[in-house]
């Protein structure tokens, strides 16, 4: 078993707010793998002291920095994180069976050998998602992805992808969130 040891690289001097009791430790305890302190300050080069502070208030860990000078708890940060909604997920992914559904139907429409539309429907045949494809001189020029509300007609999320070609090769793809 390898034992790791940690030594502080700097103890705050009197000139930067420390006191005469700040000193380098005379021994290390290899059984301890943590740093204990009332608060932890992270400074970036050129910024003032205490530009980022982590501390505890009772059972809550708190964070503050120059852009967020009022301390915020980890619980508050977690509560505010919404993540990706189902509709946003569907803009990039194919639907699978929704809650209570045993299946979702997929249909593809082609014209002259090219895919012009893809649709996913619930068991009750209401539309979940569709993608409409457009072509210029045989190359995909755009696709419009739509996600529908439970009624199957109200669009709740939509993106349009536009494709550019140079010399027959795809050179750019741009997405715009429409809804």
C-alpha atoms as a PDB file:
ATOM      1  CA  UNK A   1       0.000   0.000   0.000  1.00  0.00           C
ATOM      2  CA  UNK A   2       1.320   3.427  -0.949  1.00  0.00           C
ATOM      3  CA  UNK A   3       0.857   6.208   1.576  1.00  0.00           C
ATOM      4  CA  UNK A   4       0.413   9.672   0.158  1.00  0.00           C
ATOM      5  CA  UNK A   5       1.579  12.695   2.092  1.00  0.00           C
ATOM      6  CA  UNK A   6       0.472  16.256   1.722  1.00  0.00           C
ATOM      7  CA  UNK A   7       2.546  19.276   2.684  1.00  0.00           C
ATOM      8  CA  UNK A   8       1.242  22.823   2.512  1.00  0.00           C
ATOM      9  CA  UNK A   9       3.057  24.930  -0.039  1.00  0.00           C
ATOM     10  CA  UNK A  10       2.217  28.226   1.664  1.00  0.00           C
ATOM     11  CA  UNK A  11       1.058  29.380   5.047  1.00  0.00           C
ATOM     12  CA  UNK A  12      -0.391  32.874   5.011  1.00  0.00           C
ATOM     13  CA  UNK A  13       2.184  35.427   6.173  1.00  0.00           C
ATOM     14  CA  UNK A  14       1.571  38.330   8.544  1.00  0.00           C
ATOM     15  CA  UNK A  15       1.865  40.712   5.579  1.00  0.00           C
ATOM     16  CA  UNK A  16      -1.125  39.051   3.835  1.00  0.00           C
ATOM     17  CA  UNK A  17      -3.354  38.635   6.892  1.00  0.00           C
ATOM     18  CA  UNK A  18      -1.748  35.759   8.808  1.00  0.00           C
ATOM     19  CA  UNK A  19      -0.352  35.977  12.325  1.00  0.00           C
ATOM     20  CA  UNK A  20       2.786  34.930  14.173  1.00  0.00           C
ATOM     21  CA  UNK A  21       1.294  31.479  14.847  1.00  0.00           C
ATOM     22  CA  UNK A  22       1.244  30.597  11.123  1.00  0.00           C
ATOM     23  CA  UNK A  23       4.112  28.185  10.595  1.00  0.00           C
ATOM     24  CA  UNK A  24       5.064  25.152   8.586  1.00  0.00           C
ATOM     25  CA  UNK A  25       4.136  21.884  10.290  1.00  0.00           C
ATOM     26  CA  UNK A  26       6.934  19.982  11.947  1.00  0.00           C
ATOM     27  CA  UNK A  27       5.440  16.533  11.235  1.00  0.00           C
ATOM     28  CA  UNK A  28       2.925  14.763   9.005  1.00  0.00           C
ATOM     29  CA  UNK A  29       0.257  12.238   9.917  1.00  0.00           C
ATOM     30  CA  UNK A  30      -0.036   9.838   6.952  1.00  0.00           C
ATOM     31  CA  UNK A  31      -3.371   8.515   8.314  1.00  0.00           C
ATOM     32  CA  UNK A  32      -5.056  11.865   7.650  1.00  0.00           C
ATOM     33  CA  UNK A  33      -6.129  12.546   4.093  1.00  0.00           C
ATOM     34  CA  UNK A  34      -7.949  15.825   4.516  1.00  0.00           C
ATOM     35  CA  UNK A  35      -7.415  19.486   5.134  1.00  0.00           C
ATOM     36  CA  UNK A  36      -9.351  21.007   7.983  1.00  0.00           C
ATOM     37  CA  UNK A  37     -10.040  24.712   7.964  1.00  0.00           C
ATOM     38  CA  UNK A  38     -12.799  27.172   8.728  1.00  0.00           C
ATOM     39  CA  UNK A  39     -12.931  28.312   5.100  1.00  0.00           C
ATOM     40  CA  UNK A  40     -11.007  27.743   1.897  1.00  0.00           C
ATOM     41  CA  UNK A  41     -10.013  30.634  -0.336  1.00  0.00           C
ATOM     42  CA  UNK A  42      -9.079  30.120  -3.985  1.00  0.00           C
ATOM     43  CA  UNK A  43      -7.343  33.028  -5.677  1.00  0.00           C
ATOM     44  CA  UNK A  44      -6.569  33.455  -9.326  1.00  0.00           C
ATOM     45  CA  UNK A  45      -3.397  35.309 -10.345  1.00  0.00           C
ATOM     46  CA  UNK A  46      -3.959  39.059 -10.274  1.00  0.00           C
ATOM     47  CA  UNK A  47      -7.227  38.900  -8.330  1.00  0.00           C
ATOM     48  CA  UNK A  48      -7.774  40.179  -4.836  1.00  0.00           C
ATOM     49  CA  UNK A  49      -7.627  37.918  -1.801  1.00  0.00           C
ATOM     50  CA  UNK A  50     -10.759  35.848  -1.201  1.00  0.00           C
ATOM     51  CA  UNK A  51     -11.928  35.942  -4.828  1.00  0.00           C
ATOM     52  CA  UNK A  52     -13.502  32.504  -4.307  1.00  0.00           C
ATOM     53  CA  UNK A  53     -14.475  31.212  -0.880  1.00  0.00           C
ATOM     54  CA  UNK A  54     -15.819  27.842   0.243  1.00  0.00           C
ATOM     55  CA  UNK A  55     -17.016  27.576   3.828  1.00  0.00           C
ATOM     56  CA  UNK A  56     -19.671  25.938   5.975  1.00  0.00           C
ATOM     57  CA  UNK A  57     -22.673  27.456   7.717  1.00  0.00           C
ATOM     58  CA  UNK A  58     -23.985  24.782  10.060  1.00  0.00           C
ATOM     59  CA  UNK A  59     -24.581  21.702   7.900  1.00  0.00           C
ATOM     60  CA  UNK A  60     -24.465  23.671   4.638  1.00  0.00           C
ATOM     61  CA  UNK A  61     -21.425  24.114   2.422  1.00  0.00           C
ATOM     62  CA  UNK A  62     -21.418  27.630   0.944  1.00  0.00           C
ATOM     63  CA  UNK A  63     -19.740  29.197  -2.079  1.00  0.00           C
ATOM     64  CA  UNK A  64     -19.099  32.816  -3.054  1.00  0.00           C
ATOM     65  CA  UNK A  65     -16.897  34.634  -5.547  1.00  0.00           C
ATOM     66  CA  UNK A  66     -16.505  38.099  -7.017  1.00  0.00           C
ATOM     67  CA  UNK A  67     -19.437  37.539  -9.419  1.00  0.00           C
ATOM     68  CA  UNK A  68     -21.606  36.043  -6.665  1.00  0.00           C
ATOM     69  CA  UNK A  69     -20.690  37.940  -3.478  1.00  0.00           C
ATOM     70  CA  UNK A  70     -23.605  36.572  -1.422  1.00  0.00           C
ATOM     71  CA  UNK A  71     -22.779  33.040  -0.236  1.00  0.00           C
ATOM     72  CA  UNK A  72     -24.959  30.336  -1.758  1.00  0.00           C
ATOM     73  CA  UNK A  73     -25.320  26.840  -0.343  1.00  0.00           C
ATOM     74  CA  UNK A  74     -24.713  23.622  -2.225  1.00  0.00           C
ATOM     75  CA  UNK A  75     -28.378  22.731  -1.519  1.00  0.00           C
ATOM     76  CA  UNK A  76     -29.488  25.904  -3.302  1.00  0.00           C
ATOM     77  CA  UNK A  77     -27.240  25.188  -6.283  1.00  0.00           C
ATOM     78  CA  UNK A  78     -28.576  21.638  -6.591  1.00  0.00           C
ATOM     79  CA  UNK A  79     -32.193  22.803  -6.230  1.00  0.00           C
ATOM     80  CA  UNK A  80     -31.695  25.335  -9.041  1.00  0.00           C
ATOM     81  CA  UNK A  81     -30.200  22.818 -11.483  1.00  0.00           C
ATOM     82  CA  UNK A  82     -32.985  21.846 -13.850  1.00  0.00           C
ATOM     83  CA  UNK A  83     -31.067  19.716 -16.308  1.00  0.00           C
ATOM     84  CA  UNK A  84     -32.395  18.808 -19.734  1.00  0.00           C
ATOM     85  CA  UNK A  85     -36.150  18.594 -20.164  1.00  0.00           C
ATOM     86  CA  UNK A  86     -37.810  15.747 -22.029  1.00  0.00           C
ATOM     87  CA  UNK A  87     -38.668  18.110 -24.909  1.00  0.00           C
ATOM     88  CA  UNK A  88     -35.065  19.295 -25.224  1.00  0.00           C
ATOM     89  CA  UNK A  89     -33.919  15.672 -25.138  1.00  0.00           C
ATOM     90  CA  UNK A  90     -36.301  14.833 -27.985  1.00  0.00           C
ATOM     91  CA  UNK A  91     -34.848  17.530 -30.240  1.00  0.00           C
ATOM     92  CA  UNK A  92     -31.685  15.432 -30.530  1.00  0.00           C
ATOM     93  CA  UNK A  93     -32.924  11.908 -29.803  1.00  0.00           C
ATOM     94  CA  UNK A  94     -35.574   9.551 -31.043  1.00  0.00           C
ATOM     95  CA  UNK A  95     -38.560   8.988 -28.750  1.00  0.00           C
ATOM     96  CA  UNK A  96     -39.046   5.711 -26.987  1.00  0.00           C
ATOM     97  CA  UNK A  97     -42.176   4.491 -25.272  1.00  0.00           C
ATOM     98  CA  UNK A  98     -43.527   7.267 -23.069  1.00  0.00           C
ATOM     99  CA  UNK A  99     -44.960   6.837 -19.602  1.00  0.00           C
ATOM    100  CA  UNK A 100     -47.867   4.447 -19.800  1.00  0.00           C
ATOM    101  CA  UNK A 101     -47.251   3.588 -23.453  1.00  0.00           C
ATOM    102  CA  UNK A 102     -46.097   0.173 -24.546  1.00  0.00           C
ATOM    103  CA  UNK A 103     -44.730   1.372 -27.867  1.00  0.00           C
ATOM    104  CA  UNK A 104     -44.360   4.347 -30.144  1.00  0.00           C
ATOM    105  CA  UNK A 105     -44.835   4.105 -33.887  1.00  0.00           C
ATOM    106  CA  UNK A 106     -42.183   5.316 -36.321  1.00  0.00           C
ATOM    107  CA  UNK A 107     -42.852   6.135 -39.954  1.00  0.00           C
ATOM    108  CA  UNK A 108     -40.527   7.365 -42.650  1.00  0.00           C
ATOM    109  CA  UNK A 109     -41.557   9.128 -45.877  1.00  0.00           C
ATOM    110  CA  UNK A 110     -39.403   9.082 -49.006  1.00  0.00           C
ATOM    111  CA  UNK A 111     -39.601  10.907 -52.315  1.00  0.00           C
ATOM    112  CA  UNK A 112     -37.329  10.000 -55.215  1.00  0.00           C
ATOM    113  CA  UNK A 113     -35.283   7.823 -52.879  1.00  0.00           C
ATOM    114  CA  UNK A 114     -34.637  10.586 -50.330  1.00  0.00           C
ATOM    115  CA  UNK A 115     -36.046  10.767 -46.816  1.00  0.00           C
ATOM    116  CA  UNK A 116     -38.371  13.775 -46.614  1.00  0.00           C
ATOM    117  CA  UNK A 117     -40.012  13.166 -43.236  1.00  0.00           C
ATOM    118  CA  UNK A 118     -39.700  11.088 -40.091  1.00  0.00           C
ATOM    119  CA  UNK A 119     -42.519  10.876 -37.547  1.00  0.00           C
ATOM    120  CA  UNK A 120     -42.949   9.292 -34.138  1.00  0.00           C
ATOM    121  CA  UNK A 121     -46.480   8.832 -32.757  1.00  0.00           C
ATOM    122  CA  UNK A 122     -47.950   7.649 -29.485  1.00  0.00           C
ATOM    123  CA  UNK A 123     -50.116   4.551 -29.286  1.00  0.00           C
ATOM    124  CA  UNK A 124     -53.159   6.795 -29.708  1.00  0.00           C
ATOM    125  CA  UNK A 125     -51.552   8.112 -32.952  1.00  0.00           C
ATOM    126  CA  UNK A 126     -50.905  11.635 -31.663  1.00  0.00           C
ATOM    127  CA  UNK A 127     -47.637  13.057 -32.912  1.00  0.00           C
ATOM    128  CA  UNK A 128     -44.631  13.102 -30.531  1.00  0.00           C
ATOM    129  CA  UNK A 129     -41.894  14.317 -32.906  1.00  0.00           C
ATOM    130  CA  UNK A 130     -41.284  14.965 -36.576  1.00  0.00           C
ATOM    131  CA  UNK A 131     -38.309  15.855 -38.738  1.00  0.00           C
ATOM    132  CA  UNK A 132     -38.820  17.462 -42.172  1.00  0.00           C
ATOM    133  CA  UNK A 133     -35.886  17.282 -44.621  1.00  0.00           C
ATOM    134  CA  UNK A 134     -35.174  19.628 -47.568  1.00  0.00           C
ATOM    135  CA  UNK A 135     -32.695  19.058 -50.392  1.00  0.00           C
ATOM    136  CA  UNK A 136     -30.939  21.231 -52.968  1.00  0.00           C
ATOM    137  CA  UNK A 137     -29.389  19.466 -55.980  1.00  0.00           C
ATOM    138  CA  UNK A 138     -29.625  16.142 -54.191  1.00  0.00           C
ATOM    139  CA  UNK A 139     -27.881  17.268 -50.989  1.00  0.00           C
ATOM    140  CA  UNK A 140     -29.535  17.758 -47.616  1.00  0.00           C
ATOM    141  CA  UNK A 141     -29.927  21.516 -47.133  1.00  0.00           C
ATOM    142  CA  UNK A 142     -32.002  21.668 -43.956  1.00  0.00           C
ATOM    143  CA  UNK A 143     -33.957  19.736 -41.405  1.00  0.00           C
ATOM    144  CA  UNK A 144     -36.659  21.022 -39.094  1.00  0.00           C
ATOM    145  CA  UNK A 145     -37.104  19.023 -35.900  1.00  0.00           C
ATOM    146  CA  UNK A 146     -40.384  19.534 -34.026  1.00  0.00           C
ATOM    147  CA  UNK A 147     -41.526  18.181 -30.669  1.00  0.00           C
ATOM    148  CA  UNK A 148     -45.267  18.245 -29.973  1.00  0.00           C
ATOM    149  CA  UNK A 149     -47.403  18.656 -26.856  1.00  0.00           C
ATOM    150  CA  UNK A 150     -49.693  15.842 -25.715  1.00  0.00           C
ATOM    151  CA  UNK A 151     -52.390  17.044 -28.145  1.00  0.00           C
ATOM    152  CA  UNK A 152     -50.093  16.126 -31.071  1.00  0.00           C
ATOM    153  CA  UNK A 153     -50.419  19.512 -32.807  1.00  0.00           C
ATOM    154  CA  UNK A 154     -48.942  22.213 -30.554  1.00  0.00           C
ATOM    155  CA  UNK A 155     -45.198  22.608 -31.155  1.00  0.00           C
ATOM    156  CA  UNK A 156     -43.382  22.864 -27.813  1.00  0.00           C
ATOM    157  CA  UNK A 157     -39.785  22.744 -29.111  1.00  0.00           C
ATOM    158  CA  UNK A 158     -38.251  23.214 -32.559  1.00  0.00           C
ATOM    159  CA  UNK A 159     -34.808  23.538 -34.107  1.00  0.00           C
ATOM    160  CA  UNK A 160     -33.748  24.112 -37.703  1.00  0.00           C
ATOM    161  CA  UNK A 161     -30.461  22.705 -38.987  1.00  0.00           C
ATOM    162  CA  UNK A 162     -28.979  24.302 -42.127  1.00  0.00           C
ATOM    163  CA  UNK A 163     -26.200  22.639 -44.097  1.00  0.00           C
ATOM    164  CA  UNK A 164     -23.630  24.249 -46.439  1.00  0.00           C
ATOM    165  CA  UNK A 165     -21.501  22.445 -49.015  1.00  0.00           C
ATOM    166  CA  UNK A 166     -18.346  23.421 -50.892  1.00  0.00           C
ATOM    167  CA  UNK A 167     -17.245  21.348 -53.836  1.00  0.00           C
ATOM    168  CA  UNK A 168     -19.705  18.642 -52.916  1.00  0.00           C
ATOM    169  CA  UNK A 169     -18.405  18.337 -49.332  1.00  0.00           C
ATOM    170  CA  UNK A 170     -20.300  19.369 -46.221  1.00  0.00           C
ATOM    171  CA  UNK A 171     -18.454  22.387 -44.814  1.00  0.00           C
ATOM    172  CA  UNK A 172     -20.800  23.686 -42.122  1.00  0.00           C
ATOM    173  CA  UNK A 173     -23.892  22.893 -40.134  1.00  0.00           C
ATOM    174  CA  UNK A 174     -25.749  25.523 -38.144  1.00  0.00           C
ATOM    175  CA  UNK A 175     -28.624  25.082 -35.724  1.00  0.00           C
ATOM    176  CA  UNK A 176     -31.178  27.695 -34.705  1.00  0.00           C
ATOM    177  CA  UNK A 177     -33.608  27.106 -31.851  1.00  0.00           C
ATOM    178  CA  UNK A 178     -36.948  28.288 -33.247  1.00  0.00           C
ATOM    179  CA  UNK A 179     -39.276  27.354 -30.392  1.00  0.00           C
END
